Amino acid sequence: MRRLQSGTISDGAFLLLFIACFISIVFTAADPNLYVQNIIFLNLAFLIAVITYFTTVTTGLILNVVFVFGYGTFTLFQTVVAGGVVGTQNYFWLIMTPVFTIATWLFTLASKELQRENEQLRKVNDSLATMDEKTSLKNSLSFQNDATVFMALSVRYKMPLTLLVLSVKYWDEIRRMIGEEKLMEAVHDLSKLSQTSIRTNDSLYLLNRDNPTWGMLLFTDRDGASFVIDRLKNKVDVLNDTEYAQKYKVELVLKIGALEYDQETIPTPLEFIAQAKKQLEYDV
């Protein structure tokens, strides 16, 4: 509802500004004798509107007061000194200049409100999203939801549950050597490689995309996870000798840490990740 209201105000303000410009241009061109004078006042009206757009409505109103005072002085001079007659010309710009200011302010206000709402929606979407948009893998939020269920199943049915945490050795150095596009390709390729190395009932998660870190939840014990680790490293070694060497011009080496779930020492999914990451230090 708020988005609809902001959009309506924005559209109405833009239409008002468009109509004001049309009327002002027609009025300026209608009398060739006052063409230069009207052009000056039109430019002043546009200038005040532009300043209002980049500042605040208070600044615009103050400038309008200054304009009205200055224009009133100019009209008084024309009437008293030059003997002119007060007519439509004298009232037109007193009305149109504030109209430009108000229309610009309403348009700016509605646009900023739409930007705020868009930013809020983006933040909400990021906080609720359970998939990484680049790799289509489940993210850390999804991991927390799934791990809570898997940990409960592990306890209830006495099934061993192991978390593998994978990262790339020397990632900071690799980042400097290959471009951003290649970096994302590497993350995507390693994600596909990891997916093909696990069973369908196991789950793969991209825990951190900036410094690529994957998590695998395996329904197996620590010894069973060793087979998955060896399979992953062997596949990467083979690809480094063929595809990866040609594609990235660098060698991609995985660091893998594994931790079996223990109800007594691992109370939450985040603690599960934290302890599993510590195991990476032993994979040199």
Protein backbone atom coordinates (compact mmCIF):
# COMPACT_ATOMS: atom_id res chain seq x y z
CA MET A 1 0.00 0.00 0.00
CA ARG A 2 2.80 2.43 0.87
CA ARG A 3 4.61 1.57 -2.36
CA LEU A 4 1.40 2.21 -4.34
CA GLN A 5 0.88 5.54 -2.57
CA SER A 6 4.50 6.62 -3.19
CA GLY A 7 4.19 5.64 -6.83
CA THR A 8 0.97 7.63 -7.20
CA ILE A 9 2.55 10.73 -5.64
CA SER A 10 5.61 10.36 -7.85
CA ASP A 11 3.49 10.03 -11.00
CA GLY A 12 1.28 12.96 -9.99
CA ALA A 13 4.26 15.18 -9.21
CA PHE A 14 5.93 14.31 -12.51
CA LEU A 15 2.70 15.07 -14.41
CA LEU A 16 2.32 18.39 -12.56
CA LEU A 17 5.92 19.31 -13.38
CA PHE A 18 5.37 18.41 -17.03
CA ILE A 19 2.19 20.50 -17.23
CA ALA A 20 3.88 23.45 -15.50
CA CYS A 21 6.74 23.32 -18.01
CA PHE A 22 4.29 23.23 -20.92
CA ILE A 23 2.26 26.18 -19.62
CA SER A 24 5.39 28.21 -18.88
CA ILE A 25 6.87 27.61 -22.32
CA VAL A 26 3.61 28.57 -24.06
CA PHE A 27 3.30 31.69 -21.89
CA THR A 28 6.93 32.66 -22.56
CA ALA A 29 6.53 32.34 -26.33
CA ALA A 30 3.15 34.11 -26.44
CA ASP A 31 4.49 37.67 -26.12
CA PRO A 32 7.63 38.43 -28.18
CA ASN A 33 8.00 41.82 -26.48
CA LEU A 34 8.55 40.17 -23.08
CA TYR A 35 10.40 37.14 -24.39
CA VAL A 36 13.78 37.90 -22.78
CA GLN A 37 12.16 38.84 -19.45
CA ASN A 38 10.06 35.64 -19.39
CA ILE A 39 13.09 33.53 -20.29
CA ILE A 40 14.95 34.99 -17.30
CA PHE A 41 12.06 34.23 -14.93
CA LEU A 42 11.64 30.74 -16.39
CA ASN A 43 15.32 30.00 -15.80
CA LEU A 44 15.03 31.30 -12.24
CA ALA A 45 12.04 29.02 -11.65
CA PHE A 46 14.01 26.03 -13.02
CA LEU A 47 17.05 26.97 -10.92
CA ILE A 48 15.00 27.09 -7.71
CA ALA A 49 13.40 23.73 -8.61
CA VAL A 50 16.82 22.13 -9.23
CA ILE A 51 18.18 23.48 -5.93
CA THR A 52 15.09 22.11 -4.16
CA TYR A 53 15.69 18.69 -5.74
CA PHE A 54 19.25 18.48 -4.43
CA THR A 55 18.58 20.11 -1.03
CA THR A 56 15.31 20.37 0.93
CA VAL A 57 11.88 21.90 0.51
CA THR A 58 12.81 24.46 3.19
CA THR A 59 15.60 25.76 1.00
CA GLY A 60 13.21 25.90 -1.95
CA LEU A 61 10.60 27.83 0.02
CA ILE A 62 13.19 30.31 1.26
CA LEU A 63 14.35 30.87 -2.32
CA ASN A 64 10.73 31.34 -3.37
CA VAL A 65 10.26 33.99 -0.68
CA VAL A 66 13.39 35.74 -1.93
CA PHE A 67 12.08 35.48 -5.49
CA VAL A 68 8.66 36.87 -4.55
CA PHE A 69 10.29 39.76 -2.70
CA GLY A 70 12.63 40.48 -5.61
CA TYR A 71 9.88 40.13 -8.20
CA GLY A 72 7.59 42.35 -6.13
CA THR A 73 10.31 44.99 -6.02
CA PHE A 74 10.79 44.67 -9.78
CA THR A 75 7.04 45.05 -10.38
CA LEU A 76 6.85 48.03 -8.07
CA PHE A 77 9.73 49.64 -9.94
CA GLN A 78 8.02 49.06 -13.27
CA THR A 79 4.72 50.45 -12.01
CA VAL A 80 5.94 53.49 -10.12
CA VAL A 81 9.07 54.50 -12.02
CA ALA A 82 8.45 53.22 -15.55
CA GLY A 83 4.69 53.75 -15.43
CA GLY A 84 3.85 50.16 -16.33
CA VAL A 85 0.51 48.45 -15.72
CA VAL A 86 0.10 45.45 -13.40
CA GLY A 87 -1.28 42.61 -15.51
CA THR A 88 -1.25 38.85 -16.02
CA GLN A 89 2.49 38.94 -16.61
CA ASN A 90 3.08 40.16 -13.07
CA TYR A 91 1.06 37.39 -11.40
CA PHE A 92 2.03 34.44 -13.60
CA TRP A 93 5.54 33.91 -12.29
CA LEU A 94 4.46 34.54 -8.69
CA ILE A 95 2.25 31.46 -9.08
CA MET A 96 4.31 29.24 -11.38
CA THR A 97 7.63 29.46 -9.54
CA PRO A 98 6.19 27.96 -6.31
CA VAL A 99 4.36 25.37 -8.45
CA PHE A 100 7.70 24.24 -9.91
CA THR A 101 9.17 24.05 -6.42
CA ILE A 102 6.26 22.07 -4.92
CA ALA A 103 6.10 19.65 -7.87
CA THR A 104 9.86 19.03 -7.65
CA TRP A 105 9.67 18.52 -3.89
CA LEU A 106 6.78 16.02 -4.19
CA PHE A 107 8.61 14.12 -6.92
CA THR A 108 11.81 14.02 -4.85
CA LEU A 109 9.94 12.98 -1.71
CA ALA A 110 8.13 10.14 -3.47
CA SER A 111 11.32 8.97 -5.22
CA LYS A 112 13.29 8.84 -1.96
CA GLU A 113 10.44 6.93 -0.31
CA LEU A 114 10.45 4.41 -3.14
CA GLN A 115 14.22 4.05 -2.79
CA ARG A 116 13.88 3.44 0.97
CA GLU A 117 11.16 0.85 0.41
CA ASN A 118 13.24 -0.84 -2.29
CA GLU A 119 16.24 -0.99 0.04
CA GLN A 120 14.09 -2.44 2.83
CA LEU A 121 12.67 -5.08 0.48
CA ARG A 122 16.19 -5.95 -0.68
CA LYS A 123 17.35 -6.39 2.92
CA VAL A 124 14.30 -8.50 3.76
CA ASN A 125 14.88 -10.60 0.65
CA ASP A 126 18.55 -11.10 1.55
CA SER A 127 17.63 -12.08 5.11
CA LEU A 128 15.01 -14.61 3.97
CA ALA A 129 16.74 -15.99 0.89
CA THR A 130 17.88 -19.58 1.31
CA MET A 131 19.61 -19.95 -2.07
CA ASP A 132 22.73 -18.32 -3.45
CA GLU A 133 21.72 -16.57 -6.68
CA LYS A 134 25.06 -17.19 -8.43
CA THR A 135 25.49 -20.91 -7.80
CA SER A 136 21.91 -21.96 -6.88
CA LEU A 137 23.33 -23.60 -3.76
CA LYS A 138 21.75 -23.41 -0.36
CA ASN A 139 23.25 -20.64 1.77
CA SER A 140 24.14 -20.30 5.45
CA LEU A 141 20.55 -19.50 6.45
CA SER A 142 19.37 -22.71 4.83
CA PHE A 143 22.24 -24.55 6.54
CA GLN A 144 21.07 -23.39 9.96
CA ASN A 145 17.51 -24.54 9.24
CA ASP A 146 18.57 -27.91 7.83
CA ALA A 147 21.31 -28.55 10.39
CA THR A 148 18.85 -28.11 13.25
CA VAL A 149 16.68 -30.87 11.76
CA PHE A 150 19.63 -33.13 10.90
CA MET A 151 21.14 -32.74 14.35
CA ALA A 152 17.82 -33.74 15.93
CA LEU A 153 17.56 -36.77 13.60
CA SER A 154 21.11 -37.76 14.44
CA VAL A 155 20.32 -37.81 18.15
CA ARG A 156 16.93 -39.46 17.81
CA TYR A 157 17.93 -42.29 15.46
CA LYS A 158 21.56 -42.61 16.60
CA MET A 159 22.83 -41.78 13.11
CA PRO A 160 26.31 -40.26 12.81
CA LEU A 161 26.34 -36.79 11.25
CA THR A 162 29.53 -35.18 9.94
CA LEU A 163 30.08 -31.67 8.64
CA LEU A 164 32.75 -31.09 6.00
CA VAL A 165 33.97 -27.54 5.52
CA LEU A 166 35.83 -26.79 2.29
CA SER A 167 37.81 -23.74 1.27
CA VAL A 168 40.40 -22.92 -1.39
CA LYS A 169 44.05 -22.62 -0.42
CA TYR A 170 45.69 -19.28 -1.19
CA TRP A 171 42.38 -17.74 -2.27
CA ASP A 172 43.57 -14.16 -1.66
CA GLU A 173 46.53 -14.71 -3.97
CA ILE A 174 44.32 -16.37 -6.60
CA ARG A 175 41.88 -13.43 -6.41
CA ARG A 176 44.66 -11.06 -7.42
CA MET A 177 45.79 -13.25 -10.30
CA ILE A 178 42.48 -13.87 -12.09
CA GLY A 179 39.56 -11.56 -12.84
CA GLU A 180 36.21 -11.35 -11.05
CA GLU A 181 34.48 -13.30 -13.81
CA LYS A 182 36.95 -16.16 -13.50
CA LEU A 183 36.59 -16.09 -9.73
CA MET A 184 32.86 -16.73 -9.97
CA GLU A 185 33.46 -19.45 -12.56
CA ALA A 186 35.87 -21.13 -10.17
CA VAL A 187 33.32 -21.00 -7.36
CA HIS A 188 30.68 -22.41 -9.70
CA ASP A 189 32.94 -25.20 -10.97
CA LEU A 190 34.05 -26.23 -7.48
CA SER A 191 30.43 -26.20 -6.35
CA LYS A 192 29.44 -28.57 -9.16
CA LEU A 193 32.41 -30.75 -8.37
CA SER A 194 31.39 -30.95 -4.72
CA GLN A 195 27.79 -31.79 -5.63
CA THR A 196 28.86 -34.74 -7.75
CA SER A 197 30.96 -36.11 -4.89
CA ILE A 198 28.15 -36.63 -2.39
CA ARG A 199 25.07 -38.81 -2.20
CA THR A 200 21.59 -37.50 -2.97
CA ASN A 201 20.58 -37.57 0.70
CA ASP A 202 23.58 -35.42 1.69
CA SER A 203 23.47 -31.64 1.43
CA LEU A 204 25.88 -29.03 0.07
CA TYR A 205 25.87 -25.39 1.17
CA LEU A 206 27.78 -22.28 0.14
CA LEU A 207 28.52 -20.75 3.52
CA ASN A 208 30.59 -17.82 2.26
CA ARG A 209 30.80 -16.59 -1.34
CA ASP A 210 33.31 -13.76 -0.87
CA ASN A 211 35.92 -16.08 0.58
CA PRO A 212 34.49 -19.31 -0.83
CA THR A 213 33.62 -21.76 1.91
CA TRP A 214 31.35 -24.74 1.38
CA GLY A 215 29.69 -26.97 3.93
CA MET A 216 28.60 -30.58 3.46
CA LEU A 217 26.30 -32.38 5.86
CA LEU A 218 26.92 -36.10 5.56
CA PHE A 219 25.03 -38.87 7.32
CA THR A 220 28.19 -40.78 8.08
CA ASP A 221 30.87 -40.91 10.73
CA ARG A 222 34.27 -39.24 10.59
CA ASP A 223 35.90 -42.28 8.97
CA GLY A 224 33.21 -42.41 6.27
CA ALA A 225 33.73 -38.71 5.59
CA SER A 226 37.39 -39.45 4.85
CA PHE A 227 36.34 -41.28 1.68
CA VAL A 228 34.47 -38.18 0.50
CA ILE A 229 37.50 -36.01 1.30
CA ASP A 230 39.83 -38.28 -0.68
CA ARG A 231 37.37 -38.38 -3.60
CA LEU A 232 37.13 -34.58 -3.69
CA LYS A 233 40.87 -34.02 -3.55
CA ASN A 234 41.53 -36.64 -6.23
CA LYS A 235 38.99 -35.04 -8.56
CA VAL A 236 40.54 -31.60 -8.04
CA ASP A 237 44.03 -32.99 -8.68
CA VAL A 238 42.87 -34.54 -11.96
CA LEU A 239 41.16 -31.34 -13.08
CA ASN A 240 44.21 -29.27 -12.13
CA ASP A 241 46.25 -31.36 -14.57
CA THR A 242 43.71 -30.87 -17.37
CA GLU A 243 40.80 -28.43 -17.32
CA TYR A 244 41.65 -26.05 -14.46
CA ALA A 245 45.24 -25.51 -15.55
CA GLN A 246 44.07 -24.27 -18.95
CA LYS A 247 41.01 -22.38 -17.71
CA TYR A 248 42.35 -20.47 -14.71
CA LYS A 249 46.13 -20.62 -15.26
CA VAL A 250 46.48 -21.40 -11.54
CA GLU A 251 46.21 -24.51 -9.43
CA LEU A 252 43.10 -24.81 -7.26
CA VAL A 253 43.77 -26.73 -4.04
CA LEU A 254 41.09 -27.54 -1.49
CA LYS A 255 41.43 -27.36 2.27
CA ILE A 256 38.94 -29.64 3.97
CA GLY A 257 38.03 -29.94 7.60
CA ALA A 258 35.65 -32.54 9.03
CA LEU A 259 33.83 -32.74 12.35
CA GLU A 260 31.40 -35.38 13.59
CA TYR A 261 28.39 -34.09 15.47
CA ASP A 262 28.43 -34.44 19.24
CA GLN A 263 25.33 -33.36 21.11
CA GLU A 264 27.32 -32.51 24.24
CA THR A 265 29.84 -30.14 22.62
CA ILE A 266 27.87 -28.77 19.64
CA PRO A 267 24.68 -27.07 20.82
CA THR A 268 23.87 -25.03 17.69
CA PRO A 269 24.46 -25.12 13.89
CA LEU A 270 26.69 -22.03 14.11
CA GLU A 271 28.87 -23.76 16.67
CA PHE A 272 28.97 -26.76 14.36
CA ILE A 273 30.39 -24.54 11.60
CA ALA A 274 32.83 -22.79 13.94
CA GLN A 275 34.30 -26.04 15.23
CA ALA A 276 34.44 -27.59 11.77
CA LYS A 277 36.33 -24.53 10.44
CA LYS A 278 38.95 -25.06 13.11
CA GLN A 279 39.67 -28.44 11.54
CA LEU A 280 40.81 -26.62 8.39
CA GLU A 281 43.94 -25.57 10.27
CA TYR A 282 45.06 -29.21 10.36
CA ASP A 283 44.76 -29.66 6.59
CA VAL A 284 48.05 -28.27 5.35
